[in-house]
Amino acid sequence: MASGWGINGNKGRCYDFWVDFSECMSRCRQPSDCALLREDYMECLHHSKEFQRRNRIYKEEQRQIRAAARKAKEEAEGAPAVAAQH
C-alpha cells in the first residue's frame, strides 16, 4: 500500500493519494491541515462514501417501487368500486 506496489506488482490504486497525503503531513503544521487529503486516501482504500451513496440510491429505488405498487393496488381496488357506483 504505502510502498507503492499493488497486488499485481504495479503501482497501487491508492498510492497517488497516499503520496499527496504523506507530502502534506510532512510539511504541514497541524494534521488537520491535511484532513481532506486523508479523507481522499481513506475513501480510496475503503470506498465508504461510495457504499453509503449506493445504499441511499438503492433505498430510494425500493421506496419508489413500493410506492408505485401501492398506487397500482389502490387504483385496482378503486376501479371496480367506481364502476359499481355508475
N, C-alpha and C. Protein backbone atom coordinates (compact mmCIF):
# COMPACT_ATOMS: atom_id res chain seq x y z
N MET A 1 0.84 -1.17 0.00
CA MET A 1 0.00 0.00 0.00
C MET A 1 0.88 1.23 0.00
N ALA A 2 1.47 1.56 1.12
CA ALA A 2 2.30 2.74 1.21
C ALA A 2 3.61 2.55 0.47
N SER A 3 3.97 1.29 0.19
CA SER A 3 5.20 1.02 -0.54
C SER A 3 5.07 1.43 -2.00
N GLY A 4 3.84 1.53 -2.48
CA GLY A 4 3.60 1.89 -3.85
C GLY A 4 3.33 0.70 -4.76
N TRP A 5 3.56 -0.50 -4.27
CA TRP A 5 3.34 -1.69 -5.07
C TRP A 5 1.96 -2.26 -4.81
N GLY A 6 1.24 -2.50 -5.88
CA GLY A 6 -0.08 -3.09 -5.76
C GLY A 6 0.00 -4.60 -5.71
N ILE A 7 -1.14 -5.23 -5.72
CA ILE A 7 -1.21 -6.68 -5.58
C ILE A 7 -0.61 -7.40 -6.79
N ASN A 8 -0.66 -6.79 -7.95
CA ASN A 8 -0.14 -7.43 -9.16
C ASN A 8 1.25 -6.93 -9.54
N GLY A 9 1.90 -6.20 -8.66
CA GLY A 9 3.23 -5.71 -8.94
C GLY A 9 3.26 -4.33 -9.57
N ASN A 10 2.11 -3.81 -9.93
CA ASN A 10 2.02 -2.46 -10.49
C ASN A 10 1.91 -1.46 -9.34
N LYS A 11 1.78 -0.21 -9.72
CA LYS A 11 1.55 0.82 -8.72
C LYS A 11 0.17 0.59 -8.11
N GLY A 12 0.08 0.71 -6.80
CA GLY A 12 -1.19 0.50 -6.11
C GLY A 12 -2.22 1.54 -6.49
N ARG A 13 -3.49 1.17 -6.42
CA ARG A 13 -4.56 2.07 -6.85
C ARG A 13 -4.66 3.32 -5.99
N CYS A 14 -4.24 3.24 -4.73
CA CYS A 14 -4.35 4.39 -3.83
C CYS A 14 -3.00 5.06 -3.58
N TYR A 15 -1.98 4.62 -4.27
CA TYR A 15 -0.65 5.15 -3.99
C TYR A 15 -0.55 6.65 -4.23
N ASP A 16 -1.15 7.16 -5.29
CA ASP A 16 -1.10 8.60 -5.57
C ASP A 16 -1.76 9.40 -4.45
N PHE A 17 -2.85 8.88 -3.92
CA PHE A 17 -3.50 9.56 -2.80
C PHE A 17 -2.59 9.52 -1.57
N TRP A 18 -1.93 8.39 -1.37
CA TRP A 18 -1.01 8.27 -0.24
C TRP A 18 0.14 9.26 -0.35
N VAL A 19 0.71 9.40 -1.53
CA VAL A 19 1.83 10.33 -1.74
C VAL A 19 1.40 11.75 -1.43
N ASP A 20 0.24 12.16 -1.94
CA ASP A 20 -0.26 13.51 -1.65
C ASP A 20 -0.46 13.73 -0.16
N PHE A 21 -1.09 12.76 0.50
CA PHE A 21 -1.34 12.87 1.93
C PHE A 21 -0.03 12.88 2.72
N SER A 22 0.89 12.02 2.35
CA SER A 22 2.17 11.93 3.05
C SER A 22 2.97 13.22 2.89
N GLU A 23 2.99 13.78 1.69
CA GLU A 23 3.69 15.05 1.47
C GLU A 23 3.07 16.17 2.28
N CYS A 24 1.77 16.20 2.32
CA CYS A 24 1.08 17.22 3.12
C CYS A 24 1.45 17.08 4.60
N MET A 25 1.41 15.85 5.10
CA MET A 25 1.72 15.63 6.52
C MET A 25 3.16 16.01 6.85
N SER A 26 4.06 15.86 5.90
CA SER A 26 5.46 16.18 6.19
C SER A 26 5.73 17.68 6.19
N ARG A 27 4.86 18.47 5.58
CA ARG A 27 5.11 19.90 5.53
C ARG A 27 4.08 20.76 6.27
N CYS A 28 3.06 20.14 6.83
CA CYS A 28 2.02 20.93 7.49
C CYS A 28 2.35 21.18 8.96
N ARG A 29 1.67 22.17 9.52
CA ARG A 29 1.88 22.49 10.94
C ARG A 29 0.97 21.66 11.83
N GLN A 30 -0.24 21.44 11.36
CA GLN A 30 -1.21 20.65 12.13
C GLN A 30 -1.78 19.55 11.24
N PRO A 31 -1.99 18.39 11.79
CA PRO A 31 -2.56 17.31 10.98
C PRO A 31 -3.92 17.66 10.37
N SER A 32 -4.65 18.53 11.02
CA SER A 32 -5.96 18.90 10.48
C SER A 32 -5.86 19.64 9.15
N ASP A 33 -4.66 20.18 8.85
CA ASP A 33 -4.48 20.85 7.56
C ASP A 33 -4.59 19.87 6.40
N CYS A 34 -4.37 18.61 6.67
CA CYS A 34 -4.38 17.57 5.62
C CYS A 34 -5.63 16.70 5.69
N ALA A 35 -6.65 17.17 6.35
CA ALA A 35 -7.85 16.35 6.57
C ALA A 35 -8.50 15.94 5.25
N LEU A 36 -8.56 16.83 4.28
CA LEU A 36 -9.21 16.48 3.01
C LEU A 36 -8.40 15.45 2.23
N LEU A 37 -7.08 15.56 2.28
CA LEU A 37 -6.24 14.56 1.60
C LEU A 37 -6.35 13.20 2.30
N ARG A 38 -6.43 13.22 3.62
CA ARG A 38 -6.61 11.97 4.36
C ARG A 38 -7.95 11.34 4.00
N GLU A 39 -8.97 12.18 3.91
CA GLU A 39 -10.30 11.68 3.56
C GLU A 39 -10.29 11.04 2.17
N ASP A 40 -9.59 11.68 1.22
CA ASP A 40 -9.49 11.10 -0.12
C ASP A 40 -8.78 9.75 -0.09
N TYR A 41 -7.70 9.67 0.67
CA TYR A 41 -6.94 8.43 0.77
C TYR A 41 -7.79 7.33 1.41
N MET A 42 -8.48 7.65 2.48
CA MET A 42 -9.31 6.66 3.15
C MET A 42 -10.47 6.21 2.26
N GLU A 43 -11.02 7.13 1.49
CA GLU A 43 -12.10 6.77 0.57
C GLU A 43 -11.58 5.83 -0.51
N CYS A 44 -10.38 6.08 -0.99
CA CYS A 44 -9.78 5.19 -1.98
C CYS A 44 -9.61 3.79 -1.40
N LEU A 45 -9.19 3.71 -0.16
CA LEU A 45 -8.96 2.40 0.46
C LEU A 45 -10.26 1.65 0.73
N HIS A 46 -11.25 2.34 1.30
CA HIS A 46 -12.42 1.66 1.85
C HIS A 46 -13.73 1.89 1.10
N HIS A 47 -13.79 2.92 0.27
CA HIS A 47 -14.99 3.23 -0.52
C HIS A 47 -16.23 3.46 0.35
N SER A 48 -16.06 3.95 1.55
CA SER A 48 -17.21 4.09 2.46
C SER A 48 -18.24 5.09 1.94
N LYS A 49 -17.82 6.21 1.37
CA LYS A 49 -18.78 7.17 0.83
C LYS A 49 -19.51 6.60 -0.37
N GLU A 50 -18.78 5.87 -1.18
CA GLU A 50 -19.39 5.25 -2.35
C GLU A 50 -20.47 4.26 -1.92
N PHE A 51 -20.17 3.43 -0.92
CA PHE A 51 -21.15 2.46 -0.43
C PHE A 51 -22.35 3.14 0.20
N GLN A 52 -22.12 4.22 0.93
CA GLN A 52 -23.25 4.96 1.52
C GLN A 52 -24.15 5.52 0.43
N ARG A 53 -23.54 6.06 -0.62
CA ARG A 53 -24.32 6.63 -1.71
C ARG A 53 -25.11 5.53 -2.43
N ARG A 54 -24.45 4.39 -2.68
CA ARG A 54 -25.15 3.27 -3.31
C ARG A 54 -26.33 2.80 -2.47
N ASN A 55 -26.14 2.73 -1.16
CA ASN A 55 -27.23 2.31 -0.28
C ASN A 55 -28.38 3.30 -0.31
N ARG A 56 -28.07 4.60 -0.31
CA ARG A 56 -29.14 5.60 -0.38
C ARG A 56 -29.91 5.47 -1.69
N ILE A 57 -29.19 5.28 -2.80
CA ILE A 57 -29.84 5.12 -4.10
C ILE A 57 -30.72 3.88 -4.10
N TYR A 58 -30.19 2.77 -3.58
CA TYR A 58 -30.96 1.53 -3.53
C TYR A 58 -32.22 1.69 -2.69
N LYS A 59 -32.09 2.32 -1.53
CA LYS A 59 -33.26 2.51 -0.66
C LYS A 59 -34.31 3.39 -1.34
N GLU A 60 -33.86 4.42 -2.05
CA GLU A 60 -34.81 5.29 -2.75
C GLU A 60 -35.50 4.53 -3.89
N GLU A 61 -34.76 3.72 -4.62
CA GLU A 61 -35.37 2.91 -5.67
C GLU A 61 -36.41 1.97 -5.09
N GLN A 62 -36.08 1.33 -3.99
CA GLN A 62 -37.03 0.42 -3.35
C GLN A 62 -38.26 1.16 -2.85
N ARG A 63 -38.07 2.36 -2.32
CA ARG A 63 -39.20 3.18 -1.86
C ARG A 63 -40.12 3.52 -3.02
N GLN A 64 -39.53 3.90 -4.16
CA GLN A 64 -40.32 4.24 -5.33
C GLN A 64 -41.07 3.03 -5.88
N ILE A 65 -40.44 1.88 -5.86
CA ILE A 65 -41.10 0.65 -6.32
C ILE A 65 -42.28 0.32 -5.43
N ARG A 66 -42.07 0.41 -4.10
CA ARG A 66 -43.18 0.14 -3.17
C ARG A 66 -44.31 1.14 -3.35
N ALA A 67 -43.97 2.41 -3.55
CA ALA A 67 -44.99 3.44 -3.74
C ALA A 67 -45.78 3.18 -5.02
N ALA A 68 -45.09 2.80 -6.10
CA ALA A 68 -45.78 2.51 -7.36
C ALA A 68 -46.68 1.29 -7.21
N ALA A 69 -46.22 0.27 -6.51
CA ALA A 69 -47.03 -0.92 -6.29
C ALA A 69 -48.26 -0.59 -5.44
N ARG A 70 -48.05 0.22 -4.42
CA ARG A 70 -49.16 0.62 -3.55
C ARG A 70 -50.19 1.43 -4.34
N LYS A 71 -49.70 2.33 -5.21
CA LYS A 71 -50.61 3.15 -6.01
C LYS A 71 -51.39 2.28 -7.00
N ALA A 72 -50.70 1.33 -7.63
CA ALA A 72 -51.36 0.43 -8.58
C ALA A 72 -52.41 -0.41 -7.86
N LYS A 73 -52.10 -0.86 -6.65
CA LYS A 73 -53.05 -1.67 -5.89
C LYS A 73 -54.28 -0.84 -5.51
N GLU A 74 -54.05 0.41 -5.10
CA GLU A 74 -55.17 1.29 -4.73
C GLU A 74 -56.04 1.58 -5.94
N GLU A 75 -55.42 1.80 -7.09
CA GLU A 75 -56.20 2.07 -8.31
C GLU A 75 -56.98 0.83 -8.73
N ALA A 76 -56.36 -0.35 -8.57
CA ALA A 76 -57.05 -1.58 -8.95
C ALA A 76 -58.23 -1.84 -8.02
N GLU A 77 -58.07 -1.54 -6.75
CA GLU A 77 -59.17 -1.74 -5.81
C GLU A 77 -60.22 -0.66 -5.97
N GLY A 78 -59.80 0.53 -6.35
CA GLY A 78 -60.74 1.64 -6.50
C GLY A 78 -61.51 1.60 -7.79
N ALA A 79 -60.98 1.01 -8.84
CA ALA A 79 -61.63 0.99 -10.15
C ALA A 79 -62.95 0.24 -10.13
N PRO A 80 -63.03 -0.96 -9.57
CA PRO A 80 -64.34 -1.64 -9.55
C PRO A 80 -65.37 -0.90 -8.70
N ALA A 81 -64.93 -0.28 -7.64
CA ALA A 81 -65.87 0.45 -6.79
C ALA A 81 -66.45 1.64 -7.53
N VAL A 82 -65.68 2.31 -8.34
CA VAL A 82 -66.17 3.45 -9.11
C VAL A 82 -67.12 2.96 -10.18
N ALA A 83 -66.81 1.85 -10.83
CA ALA A 83 -67.68 1.30 -11.87
C ALA A 83 -69.00 0.82 -11.28
N ALA A 84 -69.00 0.30 -10.09
CA ALA A 84 -70.22 -0.17 -9.45
C ALA A 84 -71.14 0.97 -9.08
N GLN A 85 -70.60 2.15 -8.86
CA GLN A 85 -71.43 3.28 -8.47
C GLN A 85 -72.19 3.86 -9.65
N HIS A 86 -71.71 3.68 -10.84
CA HIS A 86 -72.37 4.26 -12.03
C HIS A 86 -73.52 3.48 -12.40
